[in-house]
PDB file of N, CA and C in Angstrom:
ATOM      1  N   MET A   1     -62.704-119.935  -8.195  1.00  0.00           N
ATOM      2  CA  MET A   1     -63.116-119.393  -9.083  1.00  0.00           C
ATOM      3  C   MET A   1     -63.348-118.671  -8.718  1.00  0.00           C
ATOM      4  N   ALA A   2     -63.688-118.015  -7.551  1.00  0.00           N
ATOM      5  CA  ALA A   2     -63.904-116.290  -6.539  1.00  0.00           C
ATOM      6  C   ALA A   2     -62.616-115.834  -6.767  1.00  0.00           C
ATOM      7  N   GLU A   3     -61.594-116.302  -6.476  1.00  0.00           N
ATOM      8  CA  GLU A   3     -60.355-116.068  -6.750  1.00  0.00           C
ATOM      9  C   GLU A   3     -59.720-115.369  -7.700  1.00  0.00           C
ATOM     10  N   THR A   4     -60.324-115.701  -8.978  1.00  0.00           N
ATOM     11  CA  THR A   4     -60.305-115.634 -10.289  1.00  0.00           C
ATOM     12  C   THR A   4     -60.945-114.280 -10.668  1.00  0.00           C
ATOM     13  N   LEU A   5     -62.516-114.654 -10.576  1.00  0.00           N
ATOM     14  CA  LEU A   5     -63.087-113.139 -10.402  1.00  0.00           C
ATOM     15  C   LEU A   5     -62.870-112.060  -9.715  1.00  0.00           C
ATOM     16  N   ARG A   6     -62.382-112.084  -8.347  1.00  0.00           N
ATOM     17  CA  ARG A   6     -62.089-110.593  -7.611  1.00  0.00           C
ATOM     18  C   ARG A   6     -60.810-110.221  -8.337  1.00  0.00           C
ATOM     19  N   ARG A   7     -59.360-111.510  -9.131  1.00  0.00           N
ATOM     20  CA  ARG A   7     -58.826-110.473  -9.512  1.00  0.00           C
ATOM     21  C   ARG A   7     -58.987-110.051 -10.525  1.00  0.00           C
ATOM     22  N   TYR A   8     -59.872-110.813 -11.564  1.00  0.00           N
ATOM     23  CA  TYR A   8     -59.661-110.161 -12.884  1.00  0.00           C
ATOM     24  C   TYR A   8     -61.206-109.388 -13.331  1.00  0.00           C
ATOM     25  N   GLY A   9     -62.309-109.560 -12.550  1.00  0.00           N
ATOM     26  CA  GLY A   9     -63.401-108.869 -12.674  1.00  0.00           C
ATOM     27  C   GLY A   9     -64.422-109.829 -13.346  1.00  0.00           C
ATOM     28  N   ASP A  10     -65.171-109.836 -13.760  1.00  0.00           N
ATOM     29  CA  ASP A  10     -66.306-110.867 -14.591  1.00  0.00           C
ATOM     30  C   ASP A  10     -66.777-110.300 -15.984  1.00  0.00           C
ATOM     31  N   VAL A  11     -65.693-109.962 -16.299  1.00  0.00           N
ATOM     32  CA  VAL A  11     -65.976-110.064 -18.217  1.00  0.00           C
ATOM     33  C   VAL A  11     -65.283-111.324 -18.720  1.00  0.00           C
ATOM     34  N   CYS A  12     -66.195-111.564 -19.434  1.00  0.00           N
ATOM     35  CA  CYS A  12     -65.742-113.127 -20.034  1.00  0.00           C
ATOM     36  C   CYS A  12     -64.393-113.196 -20.757  1.00  0.00           C
ATOM     37  N   ILE A  13     -63.401-113.709 -20.922  1.00  0.00           N
ATOM     38  CA  ILE A  13     -62.632-113.724 -21.460  1.00  0.00           C
ATOM     39  C   ILE A  13     -62.857-114.558 -22.963  1.00  0.00           C
ATOM     40  N   ILE A  14     -63.863-114.946 -22.914  1.00  0.00           N
ATOM     41  CA  ILE A  14     -64.319-115.704 -24.268  1.00  0.00           C
ATOM     42  C   ILE A  14     -65.155-114.779 -24.926  1.00  0.00           C
ATOM     43  N   CYS A  15     -66.213-114.174 -24.510  1.00  0.00           N
ATOM     44  CA  CYS A  15     -67.459-113.506 -25.530  1.00  0.00           C
ATOM     45  C   CYS A  15     -67.190-112.111 -25.046  1.00  0.00           C
ATOM     46  N   GLY A  16     -66.443-112.197 -23.831  1.00  0.00           N
ATOM     47  CA  GLY A  16     -66.254-109.813 -24.042  1.00  0.00           C
ATOM     48  C   GLY A  16     -67.474-109.331 -22.875  1.00  0.00           C
ATOM     49  N   ARG A  17     -68.041-110.454 -22.583  1.00  0.00           N
ATOM     50  CA  ARG A  17     -69.457-109.801 -21.988  1.00  0.00           C
ATOM     51  C   ARG A  17     -69.431-110.056 -20.395  1.00  0.00           C
ATOM     52  N   PRO A  18     -70.051-108.985 -19.768  1.00  0.00           N
ATOM     53  CA  PRO A  18     -69.741-108.837 -18.259  1.00  0.00           C
ATOM     54  C   PRO A  18     -70.929-109.940 -17.764  1.00  0.00           C
ATOM     55  N   GLY A  19     -70.516-110.423 -16.621  1.00  0.00           N
ATOM     56  CA  GLY A  19     -71.785-111.252 -15.950  1.00  0.00           C
ATOM     57  C   GLY A  19     -71.126-113.210 -15.690  1.00  0.00           C
ATOM     58  N   SER A  20     -69.655-112.984 -15.418  1.00  0.00           N
ATOM     59  CA  SER A  20     -69.179-114.349 -15.404  1.00  0.00           C
ATOM     60  C   SER A  20     -68.873-115.126 -14.370  1.00  0.00           C
ATOM     61  N   THR A  21     -69.664-116.357 -14.399  1.00  0.00           N
ATOM     62  CA  THR A  21     -69.602-116.799 -13.253  1.00  0.00           C
ATOM     63  C   THR A  21     -68.807-117.794 -12.509  1.00  0.00           C
ATOM     64  N   SER A  22     -67.967-118.830 -13.696  1.00  0.00           N
ATOM     65  CA  SER A  22     -67.094-119.363 -13.670  1.00  0.00           C
ATOM     66  C   SER A  22     -65.762-119.147 -13.806  1.00  0.00           C
ATOM     67  N   ALA A  23     -64.877-120.252 -13.960  1.00  0.00           N
ATOM     68  CA  ALA A  23     -63.595-119.874 -14.477  1.00  0.00           C
ATOM     69  C   ALA A  23     -62.802-120.662 -15.635  1.00  0.00           C
ATOM     70  N   ASP A  24     -62.425-120.234 -16.545  1.00  0.00           N
ATOM     71  CA  ASP A  24     -61.870-120.723 -17.701  1.00  0.00           C
ATOM     72  C   ASP A  24     -60.039-121.146 -17.929  1.00  0.00           C
ATOM     73  N   HIS A  25     -59.544-122.076 -18.303  1.00  0.00           N
ATOM     74  CA  HIS A  25     -58.391-122.525 -18.482  1.00  0.00           C
ATOM     75  C   HIS A  25     -57.561-121.877 -19.723  1.00  0.00           C
ATOM     76  N   VAL A  26     -56.839-120.464 -19.876  1.00  0.00           N
ATOM     77  CA  VAL A  26     -56.251-119.631 -20.556  1.00  0.00           C
ATOM     78  C   VAL A  26     -56.068-120.855 -22.041  1.00  0.00           C
ATOM     79  N   ILE A  27     -54.841-121.844 -21.309  1.00  0.00           N
ATOM     80  CA  ILE A  27     -54.404-123.048 -21.985  1.00  0.00           C
ATOM     81  C   ILE A  27     -54.825-123.910 -21.496  1.00  0.00           C
ATOM     82  N   PRO A  28     -55.612-124.972 -22.278  1.00  0.00           N
ATOM     83  CA  PRO A  28     -56.836-125.938 -21.428  1.00  0.00           C
ATOM     84  C   PRO A  28     -55.862-126.893 -20.824  1.00  0.00           C
ATOM     85  N   ARG A  29     -56.610-127.714 -19.782  1.00  0.00           N
ATOM     86  CA  ARG A  29     -55.805-128.859 -19.365  1.00  0.00           C
ATOM     87  C   ARG A  29     -54.764-129.956 -19.990  1.00  0.00           C
ATOM     88  N   SER A  30     -55.853-129.873 -20.766  1.00  0.00           N
ATOM     89  CA  SER A  30     -55.710-131.185 -22.189  1.00  0.00           C
ATOM     90  C   SER A  30     -54.571-130.893 -22.879  1.00  0.00           C
ATOM     91  N   LYS A  31     -54.180-129.619 -23.001  1.00  0.00           N
ATOM     92  CA  LYS A  31     -52.736-129.466 -23.918  1.00  0.00           C
ATOM     93  C   LYS A  31     -51.956-128.603 -22.975  1.00  0.00           C
ATOM     94  N   GLY A  32     -51.813-128.886 -21.439  1.00  0.00           N
ATOM     95  CA  GLY A  32     -50.636-128.833 -20.517  1.00  0.00           C
ATOM     96  C   GLY A  32     -51.023-127.792 -19.689  1.00  0.00           C
ATOM     97  N   GLY A  33     -52.444-127.142 -19.859  1.00  0.00           N
ATOM     98  CA  GLY A  33     -52.511-125.897 -18.906  1.00  0.00           C
ATOM     99  C   GLY A  33     -52.455-125.926 -17.702  1.00  0.00           C
ATOM    100  N   ALA A  34     -51.690-125.105 -16.679  1.00  0.00           N
ATOM    101  CA  ALA A  34     -51.409-125.532 -15.234  1.00  0.00           C
ATOM    102  C   ALA A  34     -53.375-125.176 -14.332  1.00  0.00           C
ATOM    103  N   VAL A  35     -53.571-126.100 -13.574  1.00  0.00           N
ATOM    104  CA  VAL A  35     -54.628-126.736 -13.103  1.00  0.00           C
ATOM    105  C   VAL A  35     -55.330-125.714 -12.550  1.00  0.00           C
ATOM    106  N   TYR A  36     -54.369-124.900 -11.220  1.00  0.00           N
ATOM    107  CA  TYR A  36     -55.055-124.333 -10.441  1.00  0.00           C
ATOM    108  C   TYR A  36     -54.356-123.145 -10.472  1.00  0.00           C
ATOM    109  N   ASP A  37     -53.142-122.733 -11.308  1.00  0.00           N
ATOM    110  CA  ASP A  37     -52.896-121.503 -11.576  1.00  0.00           C
ATOM    111  C   ASP A  37     -53.634-119.897 -11.906  1.00  0.00           C
ATOM    112  N   LEU A  38     -53.517-119.052 -11.381  1.00  0.00           N
ATOM    113  CA  LEU A  38     -54.408-118.314 -11.215  1.00  0.00           C
ATOM    114  C   LEU A  38     -54.158-117.299 -12.705  1.00  0.00           C
ATOM    115  N   ASP A  39     -52.398-117.488 -13.017  1.00  0.00           N
ATOM    116  CA  ASP A  39     -52.493-116.911 -14.662  1.00  0.00           C
ATOM    117  C   ASP A  39     -52.606-117.356 -15.572  1.00  0.00           C
ATOM    118  N   ASN A  40     -53.646-118.955 -15.156  1.00  0.00           N
ATOM    119  CA  ASN A  40     -53.916-120.026 -16.485  1.00  0.00           C
ATOM    120  C   ASN A  40     -55.363-119.905 -16.394  1.00  0.00           C
ATOM    121  N   LEU A  41     -55.931-118.536 -15.781  1.00  0.00           N
ATOM    122  CA  LEU A  41     -57.404-118.759 -15.494  1.00  0.00           C
ATOM    123  C   LEU A  41     -58.223-117.474 -15.545  1.00  0.00           C
ATOM    124  N   GLY A  42     -58.953-117.295 -16.362  1.00  0.00           N
ATOM    125  CA  GLY A  42     -59.711-116.175 -16.214  1.00  0.00           C
ATOM    126  C   GLY A  42     -61.436-116.550 -16.419  1.00  0.00           C
ATOM    127  N   PRO A  43     -62.052-115.240 -16.443  1.00  0.00           N
ATOM    128  CA  PRO A  43     -63.444-115.287 -15.922  1.00  0.00           C
ATOM    129  C   PRO A  43     -64.237-115.691 -16.995  1.00  0.00           C
ATOM    130  N   ALA A  44     -65.363-116.559 -17.007  1.00  0.00           N
ATOM    131  CA  ALA A  44     -65.993-116.701 -18.099  1.00  0.00           C
ATOM    132  C   ALA A  44     -67.153-117.276 -17.731  1.00  0.00           C
ATOM    133  N   HIS A  45     -68.454-117.288 -18.951  1.00  0.00           N
ATOM    134  CA  HIS A  45     -69.522-117.762 -18.430  1.00  0.00           C
ATOM    135  C   HIS A  45     -69.676-119.264 -18.345  1.00  0.00           C
ATOM    136  N   GLU A  46     -70.712-119.884 -17.673  1.00  0.00           N
ATOM    137  CA  GLU A  46     -70.281-121.503 -17.556  1.00  0.00           C
ATOM    138  C   GLU A  46     -70.866-121.674 -19.189  1.00  0.00           C
ATOM    139  N   ARG A  47     -71.535-120.980 -19.720  1.00  0.00           N
ATOM    140  CA  ARG A  47     -71.942-121.580 -21.181  1.00  0.00           C
ATOM    141  C   ARG A  47     -70.852-121.509 -22.566  1.00  0.00           C
ATOM    142  N   CYS A  48     -70.389-120.578 -22.169  1.00  0.00           N
ATOM    143  CA  CYS A  48     -69.235-120.327 -23.019  1.00  0.00           C
ATOM    144  C   CYS A  48     -67.955-120.779 -22.732  1.00  0.00           C
ATOM    145  N   ASN A  49     -67.638-121.000 -21.440  1.00  0.00           N
ATOM    146  CA  ASN A  49     -66.526-122.212 -21.253  1.00  0.00           C
ATOM    147  C   ASN A  49     -66.995-123.328 -21.634  1.00  0.00           C
ATOM    148  N   TYR A  50     -68.229-124.038 -21.683  1.00  0.00           N
ATOM    149  CA  TYR A  50     -68.623-125.140 -22.015  1.00  0.00           C
ATOM    150  C   TYR A  50     -68.016-125.679 -23.736  1.00  0.00           C
ATOM    151  N   ALA A  51     -68.829-124.165 -24.359  1.00  0.00           N
ATOM    152  CA  ALA A  51     -69.100-124.337 -25.815  1.00  0.00           C
ATOM    153  C   ALA A  51     -67.668-123.828 -26.067  1.00  0.00           C
ATOM    154  N   ARG A  52     -66.691-123.787 -25.656  1.00  0.00           N
ATOM    155  CA  ARG A  52     -65.348-123.519 -25.896  1.00  0.00           C
ATOM    156  C   ARG A  52     -64.374-124.752 -26.340  1.00  0.00           C
ATOM    157  N   GLN A  53     -64.849-125.482 -24.778  1.00  0.00           N
ATOM    158  CA  GLN A  53     -64.032-126.911 -24.552  1.00  0.00           C
ATOM    159  C   GLN A  53     -62.686-126.983 -24.516  1.00  0.00           C
ATOM    160  N   ASP A  54     -62.081-127.387 -25.558  1.00  0.00           N
ATOM    161  CA  ASP A  54     -60.224-127.362 -25.275  1.00  0.00           C
ATOM    162  C   ASP A  54     -59.544-126.660 -26.770  1.00  0.00           C
ATOM    163  N   ARG A  55     -60.515-125.905 -27.460  1.00  0.00           N
ATOM    164  CA  ARG A  55     -60.074-125.023 -28.106  1.00  0.00           C
ATOM    165  C   ARG A  55     -58.850-123.702 -27.786  1.00  0.00           C
ATOM    166  N   GLU A  56     -58.631-123.571 -28.942  1.00  0.00           N
ATOM    167  CA  GLU A  56     -57.543-121.956 -28.501  1.00  0.00           C
ATOM    168  C   GLU A  56     -58.891-121.142 -27.984  1.00  0.00           C
ATOM    169  N   LEU A  57     -57.866-120.073 -27.248  1.00  0.00           N
ATOM    170  CA  LEU A  57     -58.526-118.821 -26.909  1.00  0.00           C
ATOM    171  C   LEU A  57     -58.573-117.776 -28.075  1.00  0.00           C
ATOM    172  N   ALA A  58     -59.740-117.475 -28.592  1.00  0.00           N
ATOM    173  CA  ALA A  58     -59.849-116.563 -29.112  1.00  0.00           C
ATOM    174  C   ALA A  58     -59.717-115.277 -29.404  1.00  0.00           C
ATOM    175  N   PRO A  59     -59.388-114.221 -29.877  1.00  0.00           N
ATOM    176  CA  PRO A  59     -59.222-113.101 -28.968  1.00  0.00           C
ATOM    177  C   PRO A  59     -60.664-112.297 -29.211  1.00  0.00           C
ATOM    178  N   VAL A  60     -61.351-111.625 -28.338  1.00  0.00           N
ATOM    179  CA  VAL A  60     -62.748-111.247 -27.699  1.00  0.00           C
ATOM    180  C   VAL A  60     -63.225-109.960 -28.680  1.00  0.00           C
ATOM    181  N   GLY A  61     -62.230-109.185 -29.116  1.00  0.00           N
ATOM    182  CA  GLY A  61     -61.964-107.868 -29.670  1.00  0.00           C
ATOM    183  C   GLY A  61     -62.611-106.536 -28.777  1.00  0.00           C
ATOM    184  N   ILE A  62     -62.228-106.722 -27.248  1.00  0.00           N
ATOM    185  CA  ILE A  62     -62.880-106.035 -26.263  1.00  0.00           C
ATOM    186  C   ILE A  62     -61.829-104.646 -26.738  1.00  0.00           C
ATOM    187  N   PRO A  63     -62.658-103.548 -27.127  1.00  0.00           N
ATOM    188  CA  PRO A  63     -62.178-102.243 -27.550  1.00  0.00           C
ATOM    189  C   PRO A  63     -61.123-101.555 -26.253  1.00  0.00           C
ATOM    190  N   ILE A  64     -59.904-101.062 -27.082  1.00  0.00           N
ATOM    191  CA  ILE A  64     -59.022-100.820 -26.453  1.00  0.00           C
ATOM    192  C   ILE A  64     -58.939 -99.299 -26.497  1.00  0.00           C
ATOM    193  N   GLU A  65     -58.805 -97.987 -25.766  1.00  0.00           N
ATOM    194  CA  GLU A  65     -58.953 -96.528 -26.177  1.00  0.00           C
ATOM    195  C   GLU A  65     -57.422 -96.299 -26.296  1.00  0.00           C
ATOM    196  N   SER A  66     -57.331 -95.730 -27.964  1.00  0.00           N
ATOM    197  CA  SER A  66     -55.788 -95.789 -28.343  1.00  0.00           C
ATOM    198  C   SER A  66     -55.430 -94.286 -27.479  1.00  0.00           C
ATOM    199  N   GLY A  67     -55.795 -93.478 -26.895  1.00  0.00           N
ATOM    200  CA  GLY A  67     -55.845 -92.347 -26.634  1.00  0.00           C
ATOM    201  C   GLY A  67     -55.408 -91.355 -27.545  1.00  0.00           C
ATOM    202  N   MET A  68     -55.781 -91.126 -28.398  1.00  0.00           N
ATOM    203  CA  MET A  68     -55.374 -90.261 -29.722  1.00  0.00           C
ATOM    204  C   MET A  68     -56.669 -88.811 -29.668  1.00  0.00           C
ATOM    205  N   GLY A  69     -58.094 -89.528 -29.178  1.00  0.00           N
ATOM    206  CA  GLY A  69     -58.988 -88.425 -28.992  1.00  0.00           C
ATOM    207  C   GLY A  69     -58.297 -87.510 -28.124  1.00  0.00           C
ATOM    208  N   PHE A  70     -57.206 -87.454 -27.682  1.00  0.00           N
ATOM    209  CA  PHE A  70     -56.566 -86.562 -26.618  1.00  0.00           C
ATOM    210  C   PHE A  70     -55.966 -85.584 -27.601  1.00  0.00           C
ATOM    211  N   PHE A  71     -55.678 -85.567 -28.631  1.00  0.00           N
ATOM    212  CA  PHE A  71     -54.737 -84.468 -29.562  1.00  0.00           C
ATOM    213  C   PHE A  71     -55.658 -83.824 -30.868  1.00  0.00           C
ATOM    214  N   THR A  72     -57.449 -84.649 -30.527  1.00  0.00           N
ATOM    215  CA  THR A  72     -57.953 -83.658 -31.591  1.00  0.00           C
ATOM    216  C   THR A  72     -58.929 -82.309 -30.938  1.00  0.00           C
TER     217      THR A  72
END
């Protein structure tokens, strides 16, 4: 878990808010996801992780800067 938070930061992959304290499997273990592969782990709040269970990971809608502001 600590390595996941160090690598990816603390923004939850489920809700998009900071403050994650656990690691969640992007592809759930029950659906064949790798258990200890850092590429299959992401930061998550314990509550979000528990609530998601083994459902698909939905996009969290974290805004991404398009860069178009440069042209205005």
